[in-house]
Amino acid sequence: MLKDLKPRNALHWPSRLWIVRHGESAGNVARDAAQASGADRIELAARDVDIMLSPRGAEQAAALGAWFAQAGADDRPDIILASPYVRACHTARLFRDHGGTDDDAPICVDERLREKEFGILDGLTTSGVASVYPDQAEFRRLLGKFYHRPPGGESWCDVILRLRSLMDTIALHHAGRRVMIVAHQVVVLCLRYVIETLSEEQILAIDRQGDVANCSVTEYRADPGGGLMLVRYNDVVPDDAVPVTAEPERTGGVRG
């Protein structure tokens, strides 16, 4: 169902806006292995910002670019905004390299699109949070994922605050353009919250309906009234040759 959105400063939005989650990362693979073995921590040597795409994640990003390459110029972005995390930047470059946009289309890194920060819970599995920091597991149960902020980390509200600033920048500098954002699962959901002026209950209901798939596309278009219209959510490349992967929302600092 299409949803008509008329936010503040609606006339300044891009003509098209795509929000893409990065391809499957080495962190996703390590997380699955840790959870399968019942480990408290994920075995990763690099910091979260430096986690790379897995081979399958690179295939997903390339397939997404090839999918967009089949469309006309008006159906492809002319600028890409990316999280500074390696897995997001690599996804954006592979998308461009495989025809998703023009070869000279800029990829602009913006730290406001970074992954939600997990603070002391970073790198822990769900069972690891309960084992190592049972007080934080209880706080999250009481507060819910929307408001819980682990020490040194962020709540969803904190992510939303920086994304409101990002959307103001997009309205100021990219009005009327075709913009793609490449970021992370929580960022995709929180951008829906901001753009569609959703409530806590509404965005968490969307979250419960299913995971955000790697390299999935959420799209908005400008409507005749100057607002934004949701066209599709969590849409993936229609190609069985590229496996679709998704990441469940984490209790703690599982890298995504």
Protein backbone atom coordinates (compact mmCIF):
# COMPACT_ATOMS: atom_id res chain seq x y z
CA MET A 1 0.00 0.00 0.00
CA LEU A 2 1.33 3.43 -0.93
CA LYS A 3 1.50 5.92 1.90
CA ASP A 4 1.20 9.67 1.31
CA LEU A 5 3.65 11.59 3.48
CA LYS A 6 3.67 15.37 3.91
CA PRO A 7 6.48 16.23 6.32
CA ARG A 8 7.78 19.66 7.21
CA ASN A 9 9.75 21.28 4.35
CA ALA A 10 8.21 18.74 1.97
CA LEU A 11 8.95 20.84 -1.13
CA HIS A 12 12.67 20.49 -0.49
CA TRP A 13 12.86 16.68 -0.57
CA PRO A 14 14.63 14.71 -3.34
CA SER A 15 12.52 13.61 -6.29
CA ARG A 16 13.53 10.01 -5.52
CA LEU A 17 15.03 8.53 -2.37
CA TRP A 18 16.30 4.98 -2.03
CA ILE A 19 17.50 3.58 1.31
CA VAL A 20 19.64 0.44 1.04
CA ARG A 21 21.08 -1.80 3.72
CA HIS A 22 24.67 -2.95 3.06
CA GLY A 23 25.41 -6.44 1.75
CA GLU A 24 26.11 -9.36 4.04
CA SER A 25 29.24 -8.67 6.09
CA ALA A 26 31.92 -10.81 7.67
CA GLY A 27 30.37 -9.71 10.96
CA ASN A 28 27.04 -11.26 9.97
CA VAL A 29 28.80 -14.55 9.25
CA ALA A 30 30.78 -14.45 12.50
CA ARG A 31 27.63 -13.60 14.46
CA ASP A 32 25.80 -16.62 13.07
CA ALA A 33 28.73 -18.87 13.98
CA ALA A 34 28.90 -17.47 17.53
CA GLN A 35 25.19 -17.88 18.10
CA ALA A 36 25.21 -21.41 16.69
CA SER A 37 28.00 -22.41 19.09
CA GLY A 38 26.42 -20.67 22.08
CA ALA A 39 29.39 -18.32 22.51
CA ASP A 40 29.08 -15.07 24.43
CA ARG A 41 31.31 -13.10 22.06
CA ILE A 42 31.73 -12.85 18.32
CA GLU A 43 35.20 -13.69 17.04
CA LEU A 44 36.31 -10.61 15.11
CA ALA A 45 39.75 -9.00 15.10
CA ALA A 46 38.75 -5.68 13.51
CA ARG A 47 36.73 -2.84 14.95
CA ASP A 48 33.13 -2.58 13.76
CA VAL A 49 33.77 0.27 11.33
CA ASP A 50 36.36 -1.87 9.48
CA ILE A 51 34.29 -5.04 9.07
CA MET A 52 34.21 -5.97 5.37
CA LEU A 53 31.60 -7.54 3.15
CA SER A 54 31.54 -11.30 2.92
CA PRO A 55 31.93 -12.82 -0.58
CA ARG A 56 28.16 -13.29 -0.69
CA GLY A 57 27.67 -9.67 0.41
CA ALA A 58 29.83 -8.49 -2.49
CA GLU A 59 27.70 -10.57 -4.87
CA GLN A 60 24.55 -9.01 -3.44
CA ALA A 61 25.88 -5.47 -3.93
CA ALA A 62 26.96 -6.22 -7.50
CA ALA A 63 23.58 -7.78 -8.29
CA LEU A 64 21.81 -4.72 -6.92
CA GLY A 65 23.86 -2.48 -9.22
CA ALA A 66 23.11 -4.69 -12.21
CA TRP A 67 19.39 -4.61 -11.32
CA PHE A 68 19.33 -0.81 -11.29
CA ALA A 69 21.43 -0.71 -14.48
CA GLN A 70 18.47 -2.17 -16.38
CA ALA A 71 16.38 0.91 -15.54
CA GLY A 72 16.31 4.28 -17.26
CA ALA A 73 18.32 7.25 -16.03
CA ASP A 74 15.38 8.68 -14.09
CA ASP A 75 15.11 5.42 -12.14
CA ARG A 76 18.71 5.43 -10.95
CA PRO A 77 20.35 7.65 -8.31
CA ASP A 78 22.62 10.52 -9.30
CA ILE A 79 24.23 10.79 -5.85
CA ILE A 80 24.92 8.23 -3.10
CA LEU A 81 25.25 8.99 0.61
CA ALA A 82 26.98 6.22 2.55
CA SER A 83 27.80 5.29 6.11
CA PRO A 84 31.56 5.53 6.75
CA TYR A 85 31.66 1.84 7.72
CA VAL A 86 33.67 -0.23 5.24
CA ARG A 87 30.81 -2.62 4.48
CA ALA A 88 28.52 0.26 3.49
CA CYS A 89 31.12 2.10 1.41
CA HIS A 90 32.05 -1.13 -0.38
CA THR A 91 28.38 -1.83 -1.11
CA ALA A 92 28.02 1.66 -2.60
CA ARG A 93 31.12 1.29 -4.78
CA LEU A 94 30.10 -2.14 -6.08
CA PHE A 95 26.62 -0.81 -6.81
CA ARG A 96 28.15 2.01 -8.89
CA ASP A 97 30.76 -0.22 -10.54
CA HIS A 98 28.02 -2.56 -11.80
CA GLY A 99 25.94 0.16 -13.44
CA GLY A 100 23.60 1.15 -10.63
CA THR A 101 24.47 4.78 -11.34
CA ASP A 102 26.81 6.74 -13.59
CA ASP A 103 30.54 6.06 -13.25
CA ASP A 104 31.14 9.62 -12.05
CA ALA A 105 28.23 9.76 -9.60
CA PRO A 106 29.60 10.92 -6.23
CA ILE A 107 29.61 8.69 -3.15
CA CYS A 108 29.47 11.03 -0.16
CA VAL A 109 30.37 9.56 3.22
CA ASP A 110 28.34 10.89 6.15
CA GLU A 111 29.09 9.75 9.71
CA ARG A 112 25.46 10.36 10.71
CA LEU A 113 24.61 7.20 8.75
CA ARG A 114 26.89 5.00 10.87
CA GLU A 115 25.65 1.86 12.61
CA LYS A 116 23.88 2.18 15.94
CA GLU A 117 26.59 2.20 18.61
CA PHE A 118 26.33 -0.56 21.23
CA GLY A 119 28.86 0.69 23.76
CA ILE A 120 29.85 -1.93 26.34
CA LEU A 121 27.61 -4.48 24.60
CA ASP A 122 29.52 -4.32 21.33
CA GLY A 123 30.56 -7.74 20.07
CA LEU A 124 28.31 -9.73 22.41
CA THR A 125 25.70 -12.22 21.29
CA THR A 126 22.20 -12.06 22.78
CA SER A 127 23.09 -14.78 25.27
CA GLY A 128 26.37 -12.99 25.93
CA VAL A 129 24.59 -9.82 27.00
CA ALA A 130 22.47 -11.80 29.46
CA SER A 131 25.56 -13.57 30.78
CA VAL A 132 28.07 -10.71 30.97
CA TYR A 133 25.72 -7.78 31.64
CA PRO A 134 22.48 -9.17 33.09
CA ASP A 135 21.56 -5.71 34.42
CA GLN A 136 21.62 -4.32 30.86
CA ALA A 137 19.50 -7.19 29.60
CA GLU A 138 16.95 -6.34 32.30
CA PHE A 139 17.09 -2.61 31.53
CA ARG A 140 16.40 -3.36 27.88
CA ARG A 141 13.49 -5.58 28.81
CA LEU A 142 11.99 -2.82 30.93
CA LEU A 143 12.70 0.11 28.60
CA GLY A 144 12.37 -1.63 25.24
CA LYS A 145 14.78 -1.40 22.31
CA PHE A 146 13.53 2.06 21.31
CA TYR A 147 14.70 3.79 24.51
CA HIS A 148 17.37 1.52 25.99
CA ARG A 149 20.83 3.10 25.81
CA PRO A 150 23.71 0.84 26.92
CA PRO A 151 26.66 2.59 28.61
CA GLY A 152 28.81 4.16 25.90
CA GLY A 153 26.21 3.35 23.24
CA GLU A 154 23.05 4.67 21.64
CA SER A 155 19.32 4.11 21.83
CA TRP A 156 17.15 4.17 18.72
CA CYS A 157 16.19 7.71 19.78
CA ASP A 158 19.85 8.75 19.60
CA VAL A 159 20.10 7.37 16.06
CA ILE A 160 16.90 9.19 15.14
CA LEU A 161 18.31 12.48 16.41
CA ARG A 162 21.30 12.34 14.06
CA LEU A 163 19.09 11.20 11.17
CA ARG A 164 16.83 14.22 11.60
CA SER A 165 19.94 16.34 11.06
CA LEU A 166 20.87 14.27 8.02
CA MET A 167 17.44 14.77 6.46
CA ASP A 168 17.74 18.52 6.97
CA THR A 169 21.06 18.41 5.06
CA ILE A 170 19.47 16.39 2.26
CA ALA A 171 16.63 18.92 2.02
CA LEU A 172 19.12 21.78 1.89
CA HIS A 173 21.62 20.38 -0.62
CA HIS A 174 19.84 17.66 -2.64
CA ALA A 175 16.32 18.96 -3.29
CA GLY A 176 14.91 17.57 -6.52
CA ARG A 177 17.77 15.09 -7.00
CA ARG A 178 17.73 11.29 -7.06
CA VAL A 179 19.43 10.21 -3.83
CA MET A 180 20.45 6.80 -2.55
CA ILE A 181 21.44 6.14 1.07
CA VAL A 182 23.55 3.05 1.88
CA ALA A 183 23.65 2.26 5.58
CA HIS A 184 22.55 -0.26 8.23
CA GLN A 185 19.47 -2.07 9.47
CA VAL A 186 18.61 0.22 12.39
CA VAL A 187 19.26 3.26 10.18
CA VAL A 188 16.78 1.97 7.59
CA LEU A 189 14.10 1.56 10.25
CA CYS A 190 14.83 4.87 11.95
CA LEU A 191 14.71 6.73 8.64
CA ARG A 192 11.24 5.30 8.09
CA TYR A 193 10.33 6.60 11.54
CA VAL A 194 11.60 10.10 10.66
CA ILE A 195 10.27 10.37 7.11
CA GLU A 196 6.85 8.92 7.85
CA THR A 197 6.48 10.56 11.29
CA LEU A 198 5.74 7.20 12.87
CA SER A 199 5.21 6.42 16.54
CA GLU A 200 7.32 4.06 18.64
CA GLU A 201 4.57 1.44 18.40
CA GLN A 202 4.32 1.75 14.62
CA ILE A 203 8.04 1.40 13.88
CA LEU A 204 8.45 -1.50 16.29
CA ALA A 205 5.46 -3.22 14.65
CA ILE A 206 7.21 -2.86 11.27
CA ASP A 207 10.37 -4.26 12.85
CA ARG A 208 8.47 -7.29 14.16
CA GLN A 209 7.08 -8.07 10.71
CA GLY A 210 10.47 -9.20 9.45
CA ASP A 211 14.18 -8.48 9.24
CA VAL A 212 15.75 -5.92 6.92
CA ALA A 213 17.46 -7.98 4.22
CA ASN A 214 21.00 -7.27 3.08
CA CYS A 215 20.97 -5.02 -0.01
CA SER A 216 17.20 -4.56 0.27
CA VAL A 217 15.68 -1.35 -1.11
CA THR A 218 13.24 1.05 0.54
CA GLU A 219 12.06 3.74 -1.86
CA TYR A 220 10.24 7.08 -1.64
CA ARG A 221 9.07 9.38 -4.45
CA ALA A 222 7.97 12.98 -4.47
CA ASP A 223 4.20 13.25 -4.82
CA PRO A 224 2.29 16.02 -6.63
CA GLY A 225 1.62 17.79 -3.34
CA GLY A 226 5.34 18.13 -2.64
CA GLY A 227 5.59 15.39 -0.02
CA LEU A 228 7.14 11.92 -0.08
CA MET A 229 5.33 8.70 -0.94
CA LEU A 230 6.50 5.28 0.20
CA VAL A 231 6.75 3.06 -2.87
CA ARG A 232 8.38 -0.11 -1.53
CA TYR A 233 10.04 -1.44 1.59
CA ASN A 234 12.63 -4.20 2.04
CA ASP A 235 12.55 -5.10 -1.66
CA VAL A 236 15.33 -7.39 -2.92
CA VAL A 237 16.87 -8.24 -6.27
CA PRO A 238 14.59 -10.76 -8.03
CA ASP A 239 17.40 -13.20 -8.76
CA ASP A 240 17.58 -16.63 -7.13
CA ALA A 241 21.27 -16.80 -7.98
CA VAL A 242 22.08 -14.31 -5.22
CA PRO A 243 21.03 -15.55 -1.76
CA VAL A 244 19.08 -13.09 0.34
CA THR A 245 20.35 -12.67 3.90
CA ALA A 246 18.76 -10.81 6.77
CA GLU A 247 19.85 -9.78 10.20
CA PRO A 248 17.54 -9.95 13.20
CA GLU A 249 17.60 -6.97 15.54
CA ARG A 250 20.08 -7.63 18.31
CA THR A 251 19.73 -7.36 22.04
CA GLY A 252 23.30 -6.23 22.37
CA GLY A 253 26.35 -5.35 20.36
CA VAL A 254 26.25 -7.99 17.67
CA ARG A 255 27.96 -6.47 14.68
CA GLY A 256 25.67 -5.94 11.71
